[in-house]
Amino acid sequence: MNPAASLSHDPNSAEWSRFLDETVDSFACTTGTLHRLDPADRHLKLVAHRGIPEALMPIIDSIPVGKGIAGTAAERLEPVELCNLQTDSSGVAKPGAKQTQVQGSLAVPVLDGDRLCGTLGVGKREPYDFSDEEKLRLMDLAKAIANRLLPA
């Protein structure tokens, strides 16, 4: 079944939250985010979230491409994984991200061919290395929704 079949182009639609909830659950995760690229300012705009503390909402509402885990996935056009966000010293995760209490984290670009449409991310409360199969599966989900994530 195509996960995008019932999704609206409307970024405020509850359908996006349901899609994200199903995605988070299918990866046995506790947090998730879905962002849409705004080509006007090259920021990722939050479409749906799960398990994100209210204090972080102003930070994750609009993320510049190249900043943080989602922004880095968008910039590199490839998955970005952190086994333990709480102890990561790579500089990819921003200091505020630790407030999520997430440890294992994976963000992938949402791509329509080579065109960036947004990012999709999931996180676990324990340290975790996502397998190549899991990375591919999240990329496939992201690809399946790409054309719906773009404005109509």
Protein backbone atom coordinates (compact mmCIF):
# COMPACT_ATOMS: atom_id res chain seq x y z
CA MET A 1 0.00 0.00 0.00
CA ASN A 2 1.24 3.48 -0.83
CA PRO A 3 1.52 5.51 2.40
CA ALA A 4 0.99 8.69 0.41
CA ALA A 5 -2.29 7.60 -1.14
CA SER A 6 -4.47 9.28 1.49
CA LEU A 7 -2.17 12.18 2.37
CA SER A 8 -3.18 15.74 1.66
CA HIS A 9 -0.97 18.47 0.22
CA ASP A 10 -2.22 20.59 3.14
CA PRO A 11 0.60 20.80 5.73
CA ASN A 12 -1.99 21.34 8.49
CA SER A 13 -3.85 18.12 7.76
CA ALA A 14 -4.20 15.59 10.59
CA GLU A 15 -3.37 12.91 8.02
CA TRP A 16 0.31 13.85 8.32
CA SER A 17 0.27 13.25 12.08
CA ARG A 18 -1.33 9.84 11.53
CA PHE A 19 1.32 8.97 8.93
CA LEU A 20 4.09 10.03 11.33
CA ASP A 21 2.53 8.09 14.23
CA GLU A 22 2.40 4.94 12.09
CA THR A 23 6.00 5.47 10.99
CA VAL A 24 7.27 6.03 14.54
CA ASP A 25 5.41 2.92 15.75
CA SER A 26 6.68 0.77 12.88
CA PHE A 27 10.27 1.56 13.94
CA ALA A 28 9.49 0.96 17.65
CA CYS A 29 10.46 4.57 18.31
CA THR A 30 9.06 7.19 20.68
CA THR A 31 9.70 10.42 18.80
CA GLY A 32 9.37 11.60 15.23
CA THR A 33 9.36 14.68 13.04
CA LEU A 34 8.29 15.45 9.52
CA HIS A 35 9.43 18.69 7.89
CA ARG A 36 8.60 20.24 4.51
CA LEU A 37 11.21 22.29 2.65
CA ASP A 38 10.28 25.93 2.10
CA PRO A 39 12.29 26.83 -1.01
CA ALA A 40 11.83 30.55 -0.35
CA ASP A 41 14.09 30.57 2.71
CA ARG A 42 15.66 27.06 2.53
CA HIS A 43 14.21 26.18 5.92
CA LEU A 44 12.54 22.93 6.90
CA LYS A 45 9.05 23.75 8.24
CA LEU A 46 7.48 21.38 10.76
CA VAL A 47 4.47 19.48 9.42
CA ALA A 48 4.03 16.81 12.12
CA HIS A 49 5.73 15.74 15.32
CA ARG A 50 5.46 13.15 18.06
CA GLY A 51 7.09 13.03 21.47
CA ILE A 52 8.83 16.39 21.16
CA PRO A 53 8.87 18.53 24.33
CA GLU A 54 6.88 21.76 24.06
CA ALA A 55 10.00 23.77 24.93
CA LEU A 56 11.64 22.59 21.69
CA MET A 57 8.77 23.52 19.39
CA PRO A 58 10.07 27.03 18.61
CA ILE A 59 13.46 25.51 17.72
CA ILE A 60 12.20 22.70 15.47
CA ASP A 61 9.38 24.67 13.84
CA SER A 62 11.80 26.08 11.24
CA ILE A 63 15.23 24.52 10.73
CA PRO A 64 17.80 25.88 8.28
CA VAL A 65 19.12 23.31 5.81
CA GLY A 66 22.49 22.25 7.17
CA LYS A 67 21.65 22.73 10.86
CA GLY A 68 20.91 19.93 13.32
CA ILE A 69 20.13 16.34 12.46
CA ALA A 70 17.24 17.05 10.06
CA GLY A 71 19.04 19.96 8.43
CA THR A 72 22.16 17.87 7.92
CA ALA A 73 20.14 15.05 6.31
CA ALA A 74 18.59 17.66 4.01
CA GLU A 75 21.96 19.16 3.12
CA ARG A 76 23.70 15.82 2.51
CA LEU A 77 20.66 14.21 0.83
CA GLU A 78 21.36 11.03 2.79
CA PRO A 79 20.44 9.47 6.14
CA VAL A 80 22.00 10.94 9.27
CA GLU A 81 22.16 8.66 12.28
CA LEU A 82 23.31 9.18 15.85
CA CYS A 83 23.61 6.08 18.03
CA ASN A 84 23.38 8.24 21.16
CA LEU A 85 22.32 11.83 20.75
CA GLN A 86 22.94 12.44 24.46
CA THR A 87 26.67 11.76 24.19
CA ASP A 88 27.28 12.72 20.54
CA SER A 89 30.22 15.06 20.05
CA SER A 90 30.11 15.27 16.23
CA GLY A 91 28.45 18.68 16.30
CA VAL A 92 25.55 17.47 14.14
CA ALA A 93 23.00 17.55 16.96
CA LYS A 94 22.28 20.97 18.40
CA PRO A 95 22.51 21.33 22.22
CA GLY A 96 18.73 21.74 22.58
CA ALA A 97 18.14 18.37 20.94
CA LYS A 98 19.23 16.66 24.16
CA GLN A 99 16.01 17.90 25.76
CA THR A 100 14.12 15.28 23.74
CA GLN A 101 15.77 12.56 25.89
CA VAL A 102 16.28 10.71 22.59
CA GLN A 103 19.40 8.65 22.20
CA GLY A 104 19.18 6.61 18.96
CA SER A 105 18.18 8.99 16.16
CA LEU A 106 17.74 8.71 12.40
CA ALA A 107 16.76 11.45 9.95
CA VAL A 108 16.40 11.00 6.19
CA PRO A 109 15.74 13.42 3.37
CA VAL A 110 12.36 13.28 1.64
CA LEU A 111 13.32 13.19 -2.02
CA ASP A 112 11.31 13.41 -5.22
CA GLY A 113 14.00 12.11 -7.55
CA ASP A 114 16.90 14.45 -6.78
CA ARG A 115 14.65 17.24 -5.49
CA LEU A 116 14.60 17.82 -1.74
CA CYS A 117 11.05 18.05 -0.37
CA GLY A 118 11.72 17.77 3.37
CA THR A 119 12.94 15.39 6.07
CA LEU A 120 11.55 12.50 8.10
CA GLY A 121 13.07 11.50 11.42
CA VAL A 122 12.56 8.97 14.21
CA GLY A 123 14.17 8.50 17.61
CA LYS A 124 14.49 5.98 20.43
CA ARG A 125 14.99 6.57 24.15
CA GLU A 126 17.95 4.17 24.26
CA PRO A 127 21.24 4.08 22.33
CA TYR A 128 20.59 2.36 19.03
CA ASP A 129 22.34 1.71 15.74
CA PHE A 130 19.78 1.62 12.94
CA SER A 131 20.44 -1.18 10.45
CA ASP A 132 20.97 -0.58 6.75
CA GLU A 133 17.56 -2.20 6.19
CA GLU A 134 15.91 0.27 8.60
CA LYS A 135 17.62 3.23 6.92
CA LEU A 136 16.46 1.98 3.52
CA ARG A 137 12.92 1.42 4.82
CA LEU A 138 12.70 4.98 6.21
CA MET A 139 14.11 6.35 2.95
CA ASP A 140 11.47 4.36 1.02
CA LEU A 141 8.68 5.79 3.23
CA ALA A 142 10.06 9.28 2.70
CA LYS A 143 10.24 8.76 -1.06
CA ALA A 144 6.64 7.50 -1.12
CA ILE A 145 5.32 10.73 0.41
CA ALA A 146 7.58 13.18 -1.43
CA ASN A 147 5.10 14.28 -4.09
CA ARG A 148 2.40 14.90 -1.44
CA LEU A 149 4.75 16.86 0.78
CA LEU A 150 5.24 19.45 -1.96
CA PRO A 151 2.69 22.26 -2.15
CA ALA A 152 -0.17 21.52 -4.54
